[in-house]
Amino acid sequence: KPVDNIAPQAVILPGHGAKNVKLQDKVTLQFAEEIILVDGGALSSKTAGPLVRVTDEKGTVVPHTITWNKSKRMLSVKPKGKWQPHMRYQVSLIADLVKDTAGNLNQAQWITFQTGSK
C-alpha cells in the first residue's frame, strides 16, 4: 500500500493576486483530503478560529469568522462586516495546525487579493 507523505494542502479562492474581489465575497480554503486538528481533535467551526489569519495592507489583523464544512472539507472566511473597498488583504493558513489521516502536518499557505468598489 502506498505511503502518504504529502502534506495536506488547500486550494484557496480567490486566487493569489485576484483583483476587484466583491466586498461581500468570502475566502474559501478547500482541502483535497480529510484533515483533523494536530492534537487529534475534530475540526469544527468552533475550533477553526486559530487556523487562519487575515490582515489588511497595513498588517492590521482583520476580525473575521470561519466556518468549517466537513462534507466539502472547506473553510470559509468572512470579515466581520464587509471587506473595505480598494484594499489589499492577506489570508494566511497557519502551518502545523492540522494534519491528514496519515499524520502529515500542513504547511503555511497564503494569498493576497484586492477588493473592488462594491
N, C-alpha and C. Protein backbone atom coordinates (compact mmCIF):
# COMPACT_ATOMS: atom_id res chain seq x y z
N LYS A 1 0.85 -1.18 0.00
CA LYS A 1 0.00 0.00 0.00
C LYS A 1 0.90 1.25 0.00
N PRO A 2 0.60 2.23 -0.87
CA PRO A 2 1.45 3.42 -0.92
C PRO A 2 1.38 4.21 0.38
N VAL A 3 2.48 4.84 0.71
CA VAL A 3 2.57 5.64 1.93
C VAL A 3 2.26 7.10 1.57
N ASP A 4 1.38 7.70 2.35
CA ASP A 4 1.03 9.12 2.15
C ASP A 4 2.01 9.95 2.97
N ASN A 5 2.93 10.64 2.28
CA ASN A 5 3.83 11.55 3.00
C ASN A 5 3.73 12.96 2.44
N ILE A 6 2.56 13.26 1.84
CA ILE A 6 2.31 14.58 1.28
C ILE A 6 1.46 15.38 2.26
N ALA A 7 1.92 16.58 2.56
CA ALA A 7 1.20 17.44 3.50
C ALA A 7 -0.15 17.84 2.91
N PRO A 8 -1.18 17.94 3.77
CA PRO A 8 -2.47 18.43 3.27
C PRO A 8 -2.33 19.88 2.80
N GLN A 9 -2.96 20.16 1.68
CA GLN A 9 -2.85 21.49 1.10
C GLN A 9 -4.23 21.97 0.71
N ALA A 10 -4.44 23.27 0.83
CA ALA A 10 -5.74 23.86 0.50
C ALA A 10 -5.66 24.57 -0.84
N VAL A 11 -6.75 24.49 -1.60
CA VAL A 11 -6.94 25.36 -2.76
C VAL A 11 -7.65 26.59 -2.22
N ILE A 12 -7.04 27.75 -2.39
CA ILE A 12 -7.58 28.98 -1.80
C ILE A 12 -8.16 29.86 -2.91
N LEU A 13 -9.42 30.26 -2.72
CA LEU A 13 -10.09 31.15 -3.66
C LEU A 13 -10.60 32.37 -2.91
N PRO A 14 -10.51 33.58 -3.42
CA PRO A 14 -9.99 33.90 -4.75
C PRO A 14 -8.50 33.57 -4.83
N GLY A 15 -8.01 33.41 -6.03
CA GLY A 15 -6.62 33.07 -6.22
C GLY A 15 -5.68 34.20 -5.82
N HIS A 16 -4.42 33.85 -5.61
CA HIS A 16 -3.41 34.83 -5.22
C HIS A 16 -3.33 35.92 -6.29
N GLY A 17 -3.38 37.18 -5.85
CA GLY A 17 -3.28 38.31 -6.76
C GLY A 17 -4.60 38.74 -7.38
N ALA A 18 -5.71 38.12 -6.96
CA ALA A 18 -7.01 38.48 -7.54
C ALA A 18 -7.31 39.95 -7.29
N LYS A 19 -7.96 40.58 -8.27
CA LYS A 19 -8.35 41.99 -8.16
C LYS A 19 -9.87 42.10 -8.27
N ASN A 20 -10.40 43.22 -7.80
CA ASN A 20 -11.84 43.51 -7.87
C ASN A 20 -12.69 42.44 -7.18
N VAL A 21 -12.18 41.90 -6.08
CA VAL A 21 -12.97 40.95 -5.29
C VAL A 21 -14.14 41.71 -4.67
N LYS A 22 -15.33 41.13 -4.75
CA LYS A 22 -16.52 41.78 -4.22
C LYS A 22 -16.44 41.90 -2.70
N LEU A 23 -16.99 43.00 -2.17
CA LEU A 23 -16.89 43.29 -0.75
C LEU A 23 -17.62 42.27 0.12
N GLN A 24 -18.60 41.56 -0.46
CA GLN A 24 -19.34 40.57 0.33
C GLN A 24 -18.82 39.14 0.10
N ASP A 25 -17.81 38.98 -0.76
CA ASP A 25 -17.28 37.64 -1.03
C ASP A 25 -16.58 37.05 0.18
N LYS A 26 -16.59 35.72 0.25
CA LYS A 26 -15.82 35.04 1.29
C LYS A 26 -14.60 34.42 0.64
N VAL A 27 -13.63 34.09 1.46
CA VAL A 27 -12.44 33.38 1.01
C VAL A 27 -12.63 31.93 1.42
N THR A 28 -12.37 31.00 0.50
CA THR A 28 -12.52 29.59 0.84
C THR A 28 -11.18 28.88 0.73
N LEU A 29 -10.97 27.93 1.63
CA LEU A 29 -9.79 27.08 1.63
C LEU A 29 -10.30 25.65 1.61
N GLN A 30 -10.11 24.98 0.47
CA GLN A 30 -10.66 23.63 0.32
C GLN A 30 -9.53 22.62 0.28
N PHE A 31 -9.66 21.59 1.10
CA PHE A 31 -8.65 20.53 1.19
C PHE A 31 -9.08 19.33 0.36
N ALA A 32 -8.10 18.66 -0.25
CA ALA A 32 -8.37 17.51 -1.10
C ALA A 32 -8.51 16.22 -0.28
N GLU A 33 -8.18 16.27 0.99
CA GLU A 33 -8.25 15.07 1.83
C GLU A 33 -8.77 15.44 3.21
N GLU A 34 -9.16 14.41 3.96
CA GLU A 34 -9.64 14.62 5.32
C GLU A 34 -8.53 15.23 6.16
N ILE A 35 -8.89 16.20 7.00
CA ILE A 35 -7.93 16.78 7.93
C ILE A 35 -8.55 16.83 9.33
N ILE A 36 -7.67 16.79 10.33
CA ILE A 36 -8.07 16.94 11.72
C ILE A 36 -7.10 17.90 12.39
N LEU A 37 -7.45 18.37 13.56
CA LEU A 37 -6.54 19.24 14.31
C LEU A 37 -5.29 18.44 14.69
N VAL A 38 -4.19 19.13 14.83
CA VAL A 38 -2.91 18.47 15.09
C VAL A 38 -2.94 17.67 16.39
N ASP A 39 -3.77 18.08 17.36
CA ASP A 39 -3.86 17.33 18.61
C ASP A 39 -4.80 16.13 18.51
N GLY A 40 -5.33 15.89 17.29
CA GLY A 40 -6.22 14.75 17.07
C GLY A 40 -7.68 15.10 17.23
N GLY A 41 -7.97 16.32 17.66
CA GLY A 41 -9.36 16.74 17.83
C GLY A 41 -10.05 16.98 16.50
N ALA A 42 -11.37 16.93 16.56
CA ALA A 42 -12.16 17.14 15.34
C ALA A 42 -12.15 18.62 14.97
N LEU A 43 -12.09 18.87 13.67
CA LEU A 43 -12.17 20.23 13.17
C LEU A 43 -13.65 20.61 13.10
N SER A 44 -13.96 21.81 13.57
CA SER A 44 -15.34 22.31 13.53
C SER A 44 -15.28 23.82 13.38
N SER A 45 -16.43 24.44 13.14
CA SER A 45 -16.46 25.90 13.05
C SER A 45 -15.98 26.53 14.36
N LYS A 46 -16.21 25.84 15.50
CA LYS A 46 -15.77 26.37 16.80
C LYS A 46 -14.26 26.28 16.97
N THR A 47 -13.63 25.24 16.41
CA THR A 47 -12.19 25.03 16.63
C THR A 47 -11.33 25.58 15.50
N ALA A 48 -11.94 26.08 14.42
CA ALA A 48 -11.19 26.51 13.24
C ALA A 48 -10.57 27.90 13.37
N GLY A 49 -10.98 28.67 14.38
CA GLY A 49 -10.53 30.05 14.52
C GLY A 49 -9.03 30.30 14.38
N PRO A 50 -8.19 29.54 15.10
CA PRO A 50 -6.74 29.81 15.04
C PRO A 50 -6.06 29.42 13.72
N LEU A 51 -6.76 28.72 12.84
CA LEU A 51 -6.11 28.19 11.64
C LEU A 51 -5.77 29.26 10.60
N VAL A 52 -6.56 30.35 10.60
CA VAL A 52 -6.44 31.34 9.53
C VAL A 52 -6.23 32.72 10.15
N ARG A 53 -5.33 33.49 9.53
CA ARG A 53 -5.12 34.88 9.94
C ARG A 53 -5.42 35.77 8.74
N VAL A 54 -6.14 36.86 8.99
CA VAL A 54 -6.48 37.82 7.94
C VAL A 54 -5.89 39.17 8.33
N THR A 55 -5.13 39.77 7.41
CA THR A 55 -4.56 41.09 7.67
C THR A 55 -4.82 41.99 6.47
N ASP A 56 -4.87 43.30 6.74
CA ASP A 56 -5.02 44.26 5.64
C ASP A 56 -3.64 44.72 5.18
N GLU A 57 -3.62 45.67 4.24
CA GLU A 57 -2.35 46.08 3.63
C GLU A 57 -1.40 46.76 4.62
N LYS A 58 -1.93 47.19 5.78
CA LYS A 58 -1.08 47.80 6.80
C LYS A 58 -0.57 46.76 7.79
N GLY A 59 -1.01 45.50 7.62
CA GLY A 59 -0.60 44.45 8.54
C GLY A 59 -1.50 44.32 9.75
N THR A 60 -2.60 45.10 9.76
CA THR A 60 -3.54 45.05 10.87
C THR A 60 -4.40 43.80 10.75
N VAL A 61 -4.56 43.09 11.87
CA VAL A 61 -5.41 41.90 11.87
C VAL A 61 -6.86 42.31 11.66
N VAL A 62 -7.54 41.65 10.73
CA VAL A 62 -8.94 41.93 10.41
C VAL A 62 -9.82 40.92 11.16
N PRO A 63 -10.73 41.39 12.03
CA PRO A 63 -11.65 40.45 12.71
C PRO A 63 -12.47 39.70 11.67
N HIS A 64 -12.60 38.38 11.86
CA HIS A 64 -13.29 37.56 10.85
C HIS A 64 -13.94 36.35 11.51
N THR A 65 -14.79 35.71 10.74
CA THR A 65 -15.41 34.46 11.19
C THR A 65 -14.98 33.35 10.24
N ILE A 66 -14.90 32.15 10.78
CA ILE A 66 -14.52 30.99 9.98
C ILE A 66 -15.57 29.91 10.17
N THR A 67 -16.00 29.32 9.07
CA THR A 67 -16.95 28.22 9.11
C THR A 67 -16.30 27.00 8.48
N TRP A 68 -16.45 25.83 9.10
CA TRP A 68 -15.90 24.58 8.57
C TRP A 68 -17.04 23.74 8.02
N ASN A 69 -16.92 23.33 6.74
CA ASN A 69 -17.89 22.43 6.13
C ASN A 69 -17.20 21.08 5.96
N LYS A 70 -17.52 20.13 6.83
CA LYS A 70 -16.83 18.84 6.84
C LYS A 70 -17.04 18.07 5.54
N SER A 71 -18.26 18.07 5.00
CA SER A 71 -18.52 17.27 3.80
C SER A 71 -17.76 17.81 2.59
N LYS A 72 -17.55 19.14 2.54
CA LYS A 72 -16.79 19.73 1.43
C LYS A 72 -15.31 19.90 1.79
N ARG A 73 -14.94 19.60 3.05
CA ARG A 73 -13.56 19.81 3.54
C ARG A 73 -13.12 21.25 3.26
N MET A 74 -13.99 22.20 3.61
CA MET A 74 -13.75 23.59 3.24
C MET A 74 -13.93 24.54 4.42
N LEU A 75 -12.94 25.43 4.57
CA LEU A 75 -13.02 26.56 5.50
C LEU A 75 -13.50 27.77 4.72
N SER A 76 -14.48 28.48 5.25
CA SER A 76 -14.96 29.73 4.65
C SER A 76 -14.64 30.86 5.61
N VAL A 77 -13.99 31.90 5.08
CA VAL A 77 -13.53 33.02 5.90
C VAL A 77 -14.23 34.29 5.43
N LYS A 78 -14.86 34.99 6.38
CA LYS A 78 -15.50 36.27 6.06
C LYS A 78 -15.10 37.28 7.10
N PRO A 79 -14.91 38.54 6.67
CA PRO A 79 -14.64 39.57 7.68
C PRO A 79 -15.91 39.83 8.47
N LYS A 80 -15.77 40.32 9.70
CA LYS A 80 -16.95 40.76 10.44
C LYS A 80 -17.36 42.07 9.79
N GLY A 81 -18.51 42.07 9.16
CA GLY A 81 -18.93 43.20 8.32
C GLY A 81 -18.60 42.86 6.88
N LYS A 82 -17.91 43.77 6.19
CA LYS A 82 -17.53 43.53 4.79
C LYS A 82 -16.06 43.87 4.61
N TRP A 83 -15.48 43.38 3.52
CA TRP A 83 -14.16 43.85 3.11
C TRP A 83 -14.29 45.34 2.79
N GLN A 84 -13.25 46.10 2.98
CA GLN A 84 -13.27 47.53 2.65
C GLN A 84 -12.92 47.71 1.17
N PRO A 85 -13.51 48.73 0.50
CA PRO A 85 -13.24 48.92 -0.92
C PRO A 85 -11.78 49.31 -1.19
N HIS A 86 -11.28 48.84 -2.30
CA HIS A 86 -9.93 49.18 -2.80
C HIS A 86 -8.85 48.93 -1.75
N MET A 87 -8.94 47.80 -1.10
CA MET A 87 -7.98 47.45 -0.04
C MET A 87 -7.35 46.10 -0.41
N ARG A 88 -6.08 45.97 -0.06
CA ARG A 88 -5.39 44.69 -0.28
C ARG A 88 -5.41 43.92 1.04
N TYR A 89 -5.73 42.63 0.94
CA TYR A 89 -5.80 41.76 2.12
C TYR A 89 -4.90 40.55 1.92
N GLN A 90 -4.44 40.02 3.03
CA GLN A 90 -3.72 38.74 3.00
C GLN A 90 -4.45 37.76 3.90
N VAL A 91 -4.68 36.56 3.37
CA VAL A 91 -5.30 35.49 4.14
C VAL A 91 -4.26 34.38 4.25
N SER A 92 -3.93 34.01 5.48
CA SER A 92 -2.87 33.04 5.73
C SER A 92 -3.41 31.82 6.46
N LEU A 93 -3.06 30.65 5.95
CA LEU A 93 -3.30 29.39 6.66
C LEU A 93 -2.04 29.12 7.47
N ILE A 94 -2.19 29.05 8.79
CA ILE A 94 -1.04 28.90 9.68
C ILE A 94 -0.53 27.45 9.62
N ALA A 95 0.80 27.30 9.57
CA ALA A 95 1.42 25.97 9.44
C ALA A 95 1.25 25.14 10.71
N ASP A 96 1.26 23.83 10.52
CA ASP A 96 1.35 22.83 11.59
C ASP A 96 0.18 22.83 12.57
N LEU A 97 -1.00 23.24 12.10
CA LEU A 97 -2.16 23.24 12.99
C LEU A 97 -3.17 22.14 12.64
N VAL A 98 -3.09 21.62 11.41
CA VAL A 98 -3.93 20.48 11.02
C VAL A 98 -3.05 19.41 10.40
N LYS A 99 -3.59 18.19 10.38
CA LYS A 99 -2.87 17.08 9.77
C LYS A 99 -3.86 16.19 9.03
N ASP A 100 -3.32 15.42 8.07
CA ASP A 100 -4.17 14.46 7.37
C ASP A 100 -4.21 13.16 8.18
N THR A 101 -4.95 12.18 7.68
CA THR A 101 -5.12 10.93 8.44
C THR A 101 -3.82 10.14 8.54
N ALA A 102 -2.83 10.44 7.69
CA ALA A 102 -1.53 9.77 7.77
C ALA A 102 -0.58 10.51 8.72
N GLY A 103 -1.03 11.65 9.28
CA GLY A 103 -0.21 12.38 10.24
C GLY A 103 0.66 13.47 9.65
N ASN A 104 0.51 13.75 8.35
CA ASN A 104 1.29 14.82 7.73
C ASN A 104 0.74 16.18 8.13
N LEU A 105 1.62 17.07 8.61
CA LEU A 105 1.21 18.41 9.03
C LEU A 105 1.08 19.35 7.84
N ASN A 106 0.15 20.28 7.92
CA ASN A 106 0.00 21.27 6.85
C ASN A 106 1.15 22.27 6.86
N GLN A 107 1.44 22.81 5.70
CA GLN A 107 2.43 23.87 5.57
C GLN A 107 1.71 25.20 5.50
N ALA A 108 2.44 26.28 5.77
CA ALA A 108 1.84 27.62 5.68
C ALA A 108 1.48 27.90 4.23
N GLN A 109 0.34 28.52 4.02
CA GLN A 109 -0.09 28.96 2.70
C GLN A 109 -0.68 30.35 2.87
N TRP A 110 -0.62 31.15 1.81
CA TRP A 110 -1.24 32.47 1.88
C TRP A 110 -1.56 32.99 0.50
N ILE A 111 -2.51 33.88 0.46
CA ILE A 111 -2.85 34.60 -0.76
C ILE A 111 -3.04 36.07 -0.40
N THR A 112 -2.84 36.93 -1.39
CA THR A 112 -3.25 38.32 -1.25
C THR A 112 -4.26 38.59 -2.35
N PHE A 113 -5.19 39.46 -2.05
CA PHE A 113 -6.17 39.89 -3.07
C PHE A 113 -6.53 41.33 -2.82
N GLN A 114 -7.14 41.94 -3.81
CA GLN A 114 -7.55 43.34 -3.70
C GLN A 114 -9.04 43.43 -3.99
N THR A 115 -9.72 44.23 -3.18
CA THR A 115 -11.15 44.41 -3.37
C THR A 115 -11.42 45.49 -4.41
N GLY A 116 -12.62 45.44 -4.95
CA GLY A 116 -13.06 46.47 -5.88
C GLY A 116 -13.85 47.54 -5.12
N SER A 117 -14.80 48.16 -5.82
CA SER A 117 -15.55 49.24 -5.20
C SER A 117 -16.87 48.78 -4.58
N LYS A 118 -17.37 47.57 -4.99
CA LYS A 118 -18.62 47.11 -4.38
C LYS A 118 -18.65 45.61 -4.22
